[in-house]
Each structure stands twice: as structure tokens, then as C-alpha cells.
Protein backbone atom coordinates (compact mmCIF):
# COMPACT_ATOMS: atom_id res chain seq x y z
CA MET A 1 67.93 10.84 -207.88
CA ASP A 2 65.48 11.59 -210.82
CA LYS A 3 64.08 7.98 -210.46
CA GLU A 4 63.58 8.40 -206.87
CA TRP A 5 61.47 11.55 -207.46
CA ILE A 6 59.69 10.09 -210.26
CA ASP A 7 58.74 6.81 -208.30
CA THR A 8 57.39 9.24 -205.56
CA GLY A 9 55.49 11.33 -208.10
CA LYS A 10 53.84 8.15 -209.64
CA LYS A 11 52.77 6.99 -206.10
CA PHE A 12 51.09 10.43 -205.26
CA ILE A 13 50.03 11.97 -208.65
CA MET A 14 46.90 10.98 -210.58
CA ASN A 15 48.19 9.04 -213.94
CA THR A 16 47.12 11.68 -216.56
CA TYR A 17 50.26 12.36 -218.32
CA SER A 18 52.71 10.02 -220.03
CA SER A 19 55.65 12.05 -218.57
CA PHE A 20 59.20 11.89 -219.63
CA PRO A 21 61.48 10.36 -217.15
CA ILE A 22 63.05 13.75 -216.19
CA VAL A 23 62.70 16.07 -213.17
CA LEU A 24 63.23 19.44 -214.17
CA GLU A 25 64.79 21.81 -211.43
CA LYS A 26 65.71 25.06 -212.98
CA GLY A 27 65.89 27.02 -216.25
CA GLU A 28 67.96 29.92 -217.83
CA GLY A 29 67.05 31.38 -220.97
CA CYS A 30 66.00 28.70 -223.41
CA TYR A 31 67.79 25.88 -221.41
CA VAL A 32 66.53 23.81 -218.52
CA TYR A 33 68.38 21.33 -216.21
CA ASP A 34 67.23 18.33 -214.45
CA LYS A 35 67.93 17.44 -210.96
CA GLU A 36 71.19 15.72 -212.08
CA GLY A 37 72.45 18.88 -213.57
CA LYS A 38 71.91 17.69 -217.16
CA ARG A 39 70.95 20.58 -219.38
CA TYR A 40 68.49 20.58 -222.16
CA LEU A 41 67.70 22.85 -225.17
CA ASP A 42 63.98 23.53 -224.69
CA PHE A 43 61.79 23.65 -227.87
CA VAL A 44 58.77 22.81 -225.86
CA SER A 45 58.59 25.73 -223.66
CA GLY A 46 55.77 24.35 -221.39
CA ILE A 47 53.88 23.47 -224.55
CA ALA A 48 53.89 27.12 -226.12
CA VAL A 49 53.84 28.64 -222.54
CA ASN A 50 57.31 30.34 -221.58
CA SER A 51 57.09 33.23 -223.91
CA LEU A 52 60.42 34.84 -222.17
CA GLY A 53 62.11 31.60 -221.48
CA TYR A 54 63.38 31.02 -217.98
CA SER A 55 64.62 33.31 -215.21
CA ASN A 56 63.98 36.46 -217.30
CA GLU A 57 65.16 39.25 -214.92
CA ASP A 58 62.36 41.71 -215.66
CA PHE A 59 59.70 38.88 -215.34
CA VAL A 60 61.02 37.88 -212.07
CA ASN A 61 61.39 41.34 -210.69
CA ALA A 62 57.74 42.36 -211.81
CA LEU A 63 56.38 39.36 -210.06
CA ASN A 64 58.51 39.74 -206.84
CA GLU A 65 57.31 43.54 -206.74
CA GLN A 66 53.72 42.72 -207.23
CA LEU A 67 53.89 39.93 -204.47
CA LYS A 68 55.07 42.52 -202.06
CA LYS A 69 52.01 44.49 -202.61
CA ILE A 70 48.82 42.31 -203.00
CA HIS A 71 48.92 38.74 -204.41
CA HIS A 72 45.16 38.06 -204.67
CA CYS A 73 41.79 39.93 -204.37
CA SER A 74 38.37 39.14 -205.25
CA ASN A 75 36.81 40.24 -208.48
CA LEU A 76 34.57 42.17 -206.21
CA TYR A 77 37.17 44.66 -206.05
CA TRP A 78 39.31 46.27 -208.76
CA SER A 79 43.07 45.99 -208.96
CA GLU A 80 45.54 48.06 -211.08
CA PRO A 81 47.20 44.96 -212.89
CA THR A 82 43.94 43.63 -213.84
CA ILE A 83 42.72 46.89 -215.38
CA THR A 84 46.20 47.64 -217.03
CA LEU A 85 46.49 44.26 -218.89
CA ALA A 86 42.85 44.38 -219.91
CA LYS A 87 43.72 47.98 -221.43
CA LEU A 88 46.74 46.69 -223.18
CA LEU A 89 44.91 43.73 -224.61
CA VAL A 90 42.15 45.73 -226.14
CA GLU A 91 44.22 48.60 -227.35
CA ASN A 92 46.31 46.35 -229.37
CA SER A 93 43.50 44.14 -230.63
CA ALA A 94 40.16 44.08 -232.45
CA PHE A 95 38.07 43.44 -229.20
CA ASP A 96 36.56 45.80 -226.63
CA LYS A 97 36.23 43.70 -223.45
CA VAL A 98 38.21 41.04 -221.74
CA PHE A 99 37.15 38.20 -219.18
CA PHE A 100 39.97 36.74 -217.23
CA CYS A 101 40.45 33.20 -216.24
CA ASN A 102 43.04 30.75 -215.68
CA SER A 103 43.62 28.52 -218.69
CA GLY A 104 42.75 27.91 -222.19
CA THR A 105 40.14 25.44 -221.31
CA GLU A 106 38.36 28.12 -219.25
CA SER A 107 38.79 30.70 -221.97
CA VAL A 108 37.04 28.33 -224.39
CA GLU A 109 34.30 27.47 -221.99
CA ALA A 110 33.77 31.22 -221.46
CA GLY A 111 33.47 32.05 -225.07
CA LEU A 112 31.10 28.84 -225.56
CA LYS A 113 28.92 30.24 -222.95
CA LEU A 114 28.96 33.95 -224.25
CA SER A 115 28.06 33.09 -227.63
CA ARG A 116 25.18 30.66 -226.44
CA LYS A 117 23.77 33.57 -224.53
CA TYR A 118 24.03 35.91 -227.39
CA GLY A 119 22.32 33.49 -229.61
CA ASN A 120 19.49 32.85 -226.99
CA LEU A 121 18.85 36.67 -226.80
CA LYS A 122 19.10 37.06 -230.48
CA ARG A 123 17.07 34.20 -231.81
CA GLY A 124 15.58 32.42 -228.81
CA GLU A 125 16.27 29.29 -226.85
CA GLU A 126 16.68 27.12 -229.81
CA CYS A 127 19.63 28.92 -230.77
CA TYR A 128 22.29 27.00 -229.16
CA GLU A 129 24.23 24.81 -231.74
CA ILE A 130 27.72 25.34 -232.24
CA ILE A 131 30.16 24.15 -235.04
CA THR A 132 33.53 23.19 -234.48
CA MET A 133 36.31 21.57 -236.83
CA LYS A 134 37.40 17.98 -236.78
CA ASN A 135 40.87 17.40 -235.66
CA SER A 136 40.61 20.51 -233.54
CA PHE A 137 41.61 20.55 -229.84
CA HIS A 138 39.81 23.05 -227.32
CA GLY A 139 40.48 21.68 -223.83
CA ARG A 140 39.46 19.08 -221.19
CA THR A 141 36.42 20.33 -219.56
CA PHE A 142 33.04 18.96 -220.62
CA GLY A 143 32.33 21.92 -222.76
CA SER A 144 35.54 22.28 -224.28
CA ILE A 145 36.15 18.53 -224.78
CA THR A 146 32.96 18.47 -226.56
CA ALA A 147 34.08 21.28 -228.81
CA THR A 148 37.28 19.17 -229.56
CA GLY A 149 36.71 17.37 -232.69
CA GLN A 150 38.72 14.30 -231.81
CA GLU A 151 37.02 11.25 -230.45
CA LYS A 152 40.10 10.04 -228.58
CA TYR A 153 39.91 12.80 -226.22
CA GLN A 154 36.02 12.27 -225.76
CA ASN A 155 36.00 8.42 -225.26
CA GLY A 156 34.78 7.38 -221.86
CA PHE A 157 33.20 10.87 -220.78
CA GLY A 158 29.93 10.61 -222.48
CA PRO A 159 27.36 11.95 -222.46
CA LEU A 160 28.81 15.08 -223.60
CA LEU A 161 27.44 18.74 -224.17
CA PRO A 162 24.53 18.61 -226.70
CA GLY A 163 24.17 20.82 -229.70
CA VAL A 164 27.91 20.62 -231.01
CA LYS A 165 28.71 19.37 -234.60
CA TYR A 166 32.08 18.89 -236.40
CA ALA A 167 32.97 20.18 -239.83
CA PRO A 168 35.92 19.25 -241.77
CA TYR A 169 38.75 21.60 -241.52
CA ASN A 170 39.47 23.94 -244.38
CA ASP A 171 36.18 22.67 -246.03
CA PHE A 172 33.91 25.71 -246.28
CA GLU A 173 31.17 24.07 -248.36
CA THR A 174 30.62 21.31 -246.01
CA LEU A 175 30.66 23.81 -242.97
CA LYS A 176 28.00 26.09 -244.63
CA SER A 177 25.84 23.11 -245.56
CA MET A 178 25.61 22.30 -241.52
CA VAL A 179 24.74 25.72 -240.61
CA ASN A 180 21.04 26.43 -239.86
CA LYS A 181 18.75 29.11 -238.02
CA ASN A 182 19.80 27.65 -234.74
CA THR A 183 23.62 27.88 -235.22
CA CYS A 184 24.90 30.45 -232.59
CA ALA A 185 28.75 29.94 -233.03
CA ILE A 186 31.40 28.54 -235.18
CA VAL A 187 34.63 27.90 -233.45
CA VAL A 188 37.82 27.49 -235.32
CA GLU A 189 41.81 27.61 -234.71
CA ALA A 190 43.56 29.65 -236.97
CA ILE A 191 46.34 26.99 -236.86
CA GLN A 192 45.31 23.60 -235.41
CA GLY A 193 47.79 22.94 -232.88
CA GLU A 194 47.39 19.66 -231.11
CA GLY A 195 45.67 18.57 -234.48
CA GLY A 196 49.29 18.65 -236.12
CA ILE A 197 50.26 22.32 -236.63
CA CYS A 198 47.80 22.76 -239.57
CA PRO A 199 47.18 26.40 -240.71
CA ALA A 200 43.77 27.54 -242.13
CA GLU A 201 43.49 28.63 -245.57
CA LYS A 202 42.71 32.32 -245.92
CA GLU A 203 39.93 32.00 -248.23
CA TYR A 204 38.26 29.47 -245.92
CA LEU A 205 38.40 31.75 -242.97
CA LYS A 206 37.28 34.69 -245.18
CA ASN A 207 34.41 32.78 -246.30
CA ILE A 208 33.50 31.83 -242.59
CA ARG A 209 33.56 35.60 -241.52
CA LYS A 210 31.18 36.51 -244.29
CA LEU A 211 28.69 33.79 -243.46
CA CYS A 212 28.81 34.76 -239.80
CA ASP A 213 28.30 38.34 -240.69
CA GLU A 214 25.25 37.44 -242.93
CA LEU A 215 23.58 35.35 -240.28
CA ASP A 216 24.73 37.06 -237.08
CA ILE A 217 26.67 33.86 -235.99
CA VAL A 218 29.39 34.14 -233.47
CA LEU A 219 32.73 33.58 -234.87
CA ILE A 220 35.14 32.15 -232.29
CA PHE A 221 39.00 31.81 -232.85
CA ASP A 222 40.80 29.73 -230.40
CA GLU A 223 44.28 31.16 -230.22
CA VAL A 224 45.22 29.56 -226.99
CA GLN A 225 48.37 28.26 -228.52
CA SER A 226 48.79 30.52 -231.63
CA GLY A 227 48.13 33.69 -229.90
CA ILE A 228 50.47 36.11 -228.04
CA GLY A 229 53.36 36.23 -230.43
CA ARG A 230 53.72 32.74 -231.18
CA THR A 231 53.24 33.52 -235.16
CA GLY A 232 55.33 36.59 -235.32
CA LYS A 233 52.05 38.57 -234.99
CA LEU A 234 50.38 39.27 -231.65
CA PHE A 235 47.38 37.40 -232.56
CA ALA A 236 47.16 34.73 -235.35
CA TYR A 237 44.27 36.22 -236.90
CA GLU A 238 46.49 39.18 -238.17
CA ILE A 239 48.25 36.81 -240.34
CA TYR A 240 44.95 36.42 -242.38
CA ASN A 241 43.67 39.96 -241.77
CA ILE A 242 40.20 38.27 -240.61
CA GLU A 243 38.90 39.40 -237.21
CA PRO A 244 36.61 37.06 -235.16
CA ASP A 245 33.96 38.21 -232.64
CA ILE A 246 35.58 36.20 -229.81
CA ILE A 247 38.98 34.96 -229.09
CA CYS A 248 40.42 32.54 -226.57
CA LEU A 249 43.71 33.16 -225.06
CA ALA A 250 46.10 31.64 -222.40
CA LYS A 251 49.40 29.90 -222.61
CA GLY A 252 52.03 32.51 -223.68
CA LEU A 253 49.91 35.19 -222.03
CA GLY A 254 51.39 34.70 -218.66
CA GLY A 255 54.86 33.63 -219.72
CA GLY A 256 54.55 30.45 -217.58
CA PHE A 257 52.22 32.00 -214.89
CA PRO A 258 48.70 30.47 -215.12
CA ILE A 259 46.32 33.15 -216.81
CA GLY A 260 43.62 32.76 -219.55
CA ALA A 261 41.46 35.47 -221.31
CA MET A 262 38.40 35.48 -223.39
CA MET A 263 37.97 38.68 -225.43
CA ALA A 264 34.89 39.82 -227.45
CA VAL A 265 33.60 42.80 -229.62
CA GLU A 266 31.33 45.13 -227.45
CA LYS A 267 27.77 43.77 -229.10
CA ILE A 268 28.71 40.16 -227.86
CA ALA A 269 30.50 41.00 -224.55
CA ASN A 270 27.52 43.21 -223.40
CA VAL A 271 25.28 40.31 -223.30
CA PHE A 272 27.17 38.96 -220.14
CA GLU A 273 25.82 40.57 -216.85
CA PRO A 274 26.81 40.11 -213.27
CA GLY A 275 26.38 36.39 -212.23
CA ASN A 276 26.47 35.00 -215.94
CA HIS A 277 30.01 33.97 -215.50
CA ALA A 278 32.98 34.36 -213.01
CA SER A 279 36.24 32.94 -211.99
CA THR A 280 37.76 33.23 -208.48
CA PHE A 281 41.35 33.54 -209.66
CA GLY A 282 40.62 35.21 -212.97
CA GLY A 283 42.28 38.70 -213.20
CA ASN A 284 44.61 37.75 -210.22
CA PRO A 285 47.06 40.53 -209.80
CA LEU A 286 50.05 38.28 -209.99
CA ALA A 287 49.08 36.65 -213.13
CA CYS A 288 48.09 39.98 -214.74
CA THR A 289 51.50 41.48 -213.70
CA ALA A 290 53.04 38.60 -215.72
CA GLY A 291 50.69 39.21 -218.70
CA ILE A 292 51.73 42.86 -218.86
CA THR A 293 55.34 42.00 -218.49
CA VAL A 294 55.23 39.61 -221.51
CA LEU A 295 52.92 42.13 -223.48
CA ASN A 296 55.28 44.99 -222.82
CA LYS A 297 58.41 42.73 -223.96
CA LEU A 298 56.31 41.73 -227.13
CA LEU A 299 55.32 45.20 -228.14
CA ASN A 300 57.92 47.28 -226.89
CA GLU A 301 61.15 45.46 -226.79
CA GLY A 302 61.53 43.80 -230.08
CA VAL A 303 60.57 40.21 -229.12
CA LEU A 304 57.66 40.09 -231.79
CA GLN A 305 60.48 41.15 -234.33
CA ASN A 306 62.48 38.36 -233.16
CA VAL A 307 59.78 35.83 -233.41
CA GLU A 308 59.18 36.81 -237.14
CA LYS A 309 63.06 36.86 -237.73
CA GLN A 310 63.81 33.39 -236.03
CA GLY A 311 60.76 31.89 -237.28
CA GLU A 312 61.83 32.35 -240.76
CA TYR A 313 65.21 31.06 -239.89
CA LEU A 314 63.71 28.07 -238.17
CA LYS A 315 61.76 27.22 -241.42
CA LYS A 316 64.83 27.64 -243.43
CA LYS A 317 66.63 25.13 -241.56
CA LEU A 318 63.74 22.60 -241.35
CA LEU A 319 63.26 22.83 -245.04
CA SER A 320 66.97 22.27 -245.66
CA LEU A 321 66.57 19.10 -243.23
CA LYS A 322 63.66 18.02 -245.43
CA GLU A 323 65.78 18.01 -248.62
CA LYS A 324 68.19 15.64 -246.82
CA VAL A 325 65.67 13.25 -245.08
CA SER A 326 63.30 11.22 -247.18
CA PHE A 327 60.94 10.57 -244.40
CA ILE A 328 59.98 14.25 -243.63
CA LYS A 329 56.74 14.67 -245.64
CA ASP A 330 56.01 18.30 -244.85
CA VAL A 331 57.36 21.41 -243.01
CA ARG A 332 54.41 23.89 -241.96
CA GLY A 333 53.54 26.58 -239.50
CA TYR A 334 54.28 30.30 -238.88
CA GLY A 335 56.78 32.06 -236.64
CA LEU A 336 57.83 29.81 -233.70
CA MET A 337 54.97 27.44 -234.07
CA GLN A 338 55.99 24.94 -236.78
CA GLY A 339 56.01 21.41 -237.44
CA ILE A 340 57.48 18.53 -239.44
CA GLU A 341 55.47 15.80 -240.62
CA ILE A 342 57.02 12.34 -240.27
CA GLU A 343 56.29 9.18 -242.64
CA GLU A 344 57.49 5.60 -242.16
CA THR A 345 58.79 6.06 -238.47
CA SER A 346 57.64 7.07 -235.13
CA PRO A 347 57.73 10.68 -234.11
CA SER A 348 57.93 9.62 -230.41
CA ASP A 349 61.22 7.58 -231.06
CA ILE A 350 62.74 10.63 -232.65
CA ILE A 351 61.59 12.95 -229.62
CA ASN A 352 63.05 10.23 -227.21
CA LYS A 353 66.37 10.23 -228.82
CA CYS A 354 66.51 13.94 -228.94
CA ILE A 355 66.15 14.15 -225.26
CA GLU A 356 68.72 11.76 -224.74
CA LYS A 357 70.95 14.23 -226.67
CA GLY A 358 69.76 17.31 -224.92
CA LEU A 359 66.82 18.52 -226.81
CA LEU A 360 63.33 18.80 -225.72
CA LEU A 361 60.64 18.29 -228.40
CA VAL A 362 56.94 17.39 -228.21
CA GLY A 363 54.53 15.85 -230.70
CA ALA A 364 51.38 17.35 -232.24
CA GLY A 365 48.67 14.90 -233.89
CA ALA A 366 49.77 11.33 -234.95
CA ASN A 367 52.78 12.10 -236.96
CA VAL A 368 54.19 15.59 -236.38
CA ILE A 369 57.06 16.93 -234.30
CA ARG A 370 56.34 20.42 -233.01
CA PHE A 371 58.64 23.33 -232.52
CA VAL A 372 57.46 25.91 -229.88
CA PRO A 373 60.55 27.21 -228.28
CA PRO A 374 60.60 30.44 -226.13
CA LEU A 375 59.98 33.53 -228.17
CA THR A 376 63.31 34.82 -227.10
CA ILE A 377 65.25 31.98 -229.07
CA LYS A 378 68.37 33.01 -230.96
CA GLU A 379 69.79 31.86 -234.31
CA LYS A 380 72.55 29.91 -232.49
CA GLU A 381 70.07 27.81 -230.50
CA ILE A 382 68.03 26.96 -233.52
CA ASP A 383 71.26 25.67 -235.13
CA GLU A 384 72.03 23.60 -231.95
CA ALA A 385 68.61 22.21 -232.17
CA VAL A 386 68.49 21.42 -235.95
CA GLU A 387 71.82 19.85 -235.50
CA ILE A 388 70.90 17.48 -232.79
CA LEU A 389 67.53 16.73 -234.71
CA GLY A 390 69.53 16.09 -237.95
CA GLU A 391 71.99 13.72 -235.95
CA VAL A 392 69.05 11.68 -234.61
CA LEU A 393 67.05 11.52 -238.01
CA SER A 394 70.44 10.24 -239.62
CA LEU A 395 70.45 7.30 -237.41
CA VAL A 396 66.57 6.65 -238.05
CA LYS A 397 66.18 3.50 -240.51
């Protein structure tokens, strides 16, 4: 049955993903089921998206109730869910204003535009240069793909956005040497996700913050993957106790419903005026209802504490596995955003064998297997995942 659906999909859907040969039909908790009824423990969660797992009763009920009221209105009008989510985000962060959109790419685009306008107003039209990091990932539109410091995502799509330079990650001195009077923004991931689950060093981020303060450069944190509870803190910048000027969010914010958000401190947010930027579906009442539900679960119902607890347990289990498996080079990450770096064998082979045994995993970078389960994961499900992974690793030669 799956094959028939896959063949139909290949006929009508553009070939932009190397999809696994599975047609998912439903989910419950931290498990998903394909059309043939096979169950999989999901440690991908839509690539760090499904914060509350599947079929969460409160999530489903909240969306159903909002759907009965109003499902969309233009930003020419106000809506209660939009205002409520914005208030929740601001009151629980270091930022003053929110711009809502639909995805991580869009949130990055909004941040790039806002920082360029700020630089333009403060230091003139030549102040438009942006520095991002090598091995980073910021999205697929022209602005965000230019900001992405990996050529494999850019090949075939030139010319790209002018004025973007790339610095080595965790190398402050080189970054500092690239800054000049025309630098308007520095963009960094607190934890590089697609680049291989690579955390930033605290001193590195501290030095960038100080440099940006001295030169009035906008510091942008891309927390599309690491934000909204993924690390055990609501935002990854809290791990480092270093606050950016702009933060880009998406993925886990809607718990599976498409939403993105770009937040900024007041002095930078205020340079946007009506007509400078917009999004037809940004701040959609249904999307914001999803975001409200996710944040309430994180902040008030123990989900953040669960991430911290289960993240520690997951790391302990992965480190134990590393002691037994010679080709696991490293275990790294925070909370429920972790990865194991593999040597001498293909992560994709391991991932495929895990899928056969009922465990969904995904790669990150060239040689890392990523673990980003729902934030509601429990110890017994971590045990199940690590047991399956261990069985597969024991068969790898």
C-alpha cells in the first residue's frame, strides 16, 4: 500500500526531498504509524517541530475551538490569539516586539531586513554587510540561503545576496578581523543544527556580544531549531546568559502547526514602519493558538523541566553507548537536541537500519546522527530508542 502512495507522490510532487519509503498516517504520543500499521518511535518529531508529540488532547482541543471562531484574518485587523502569543513571548524573553511569519526561513529573512534597515538609518546606505558563520544553516530563500555558510545549499542558485561574509564558527579573532564600519549584523546559531549539533563556546558568544555593543552592530541568534524549549531552557541563549538583539524562531513554536517569529529589542524593532515588511498568514489565529498551547505547556505544565531531565538521561545513555562502540567519536548537544558523531561508517546506513527496527532518526551535517524527539518524551521511550540503536550499531562492521 505504501508503495502505491509513494509512486503517486513521485509522479505529482517536485523532487526536493530524498524521502524515506514510509507513508505516515497517524501519531500518538511519541509514536507514528504508517499506512500499513507499522509503529515507529519518533526521534525526529518533524525535525524538532512536534513539541508536544502527536494527538495531544489540549493541543487538538485548542485548535478545534479556535477553528469554530475564526481561522484567518488579515493583519489589517487585530486578533486575540495573535496578541496573546506576542505577549507571552515578550514577557518570557529578553525582547520587546514580535513579527509573526510562517517558517524559520521567513523569520531569518525578517531579521536580515530589520538589521539592514537599522544599519542604513544609523550609519548610512553603505552599512549593509552581514557576517554569518561557516557550516551554518539559515533557510532556503535567497536571503537565508546566502546567510547559510554551506556551499552545497547555494550551488546552482547564484548570484546570491550581496554583502554577506562567512567567519569560522567559534573563532572570535577571525570574526573580529572581518568586521568594518559597514557591518550591520552578525548572525550566529547558539547551536548549529544542520551543521552537526555543534554548540557555540560561551566565551565566543560573550566576545561577539561585547563587540556588537561597542560598534552598534545587530546581533542575531538563529534559534529556529534550538529555541522553544528544545535545550531545556525556553531559549538557547539562556544557557549562555547572553542576550542577542534579534532572535529567529519557528519549528517547535507551533508544535507542528506552521508558524515563525522574529523578535527584537525595542531600539531595533522600532525602525520597522508599516509597509517595510509583511506576511499574509503571519500571526494567523490558528497558528498563534497552537503557539499559545505549546508555550503554556512548556512554562506551566512541566514540559521544560521534562526536557532538562530527559535530556540529561539521553546524554547519559548515549555516552554509555559511546564507551561500547569504537566508532562513536563524540556525543554533544543540550536537552533534547543532541547528536552522536560517527567515524568509519555511514550515518545514513545506521539510520535506515533503525527505521527497519521501528526507530526514526535523522542526520545532521556529514557524519552526525541527530536526536530531537518530542519534548514530552519519557525515560522508557529513551531506553527503547537507545536499545534499538545499540542493536543496529552492534551489527555495523
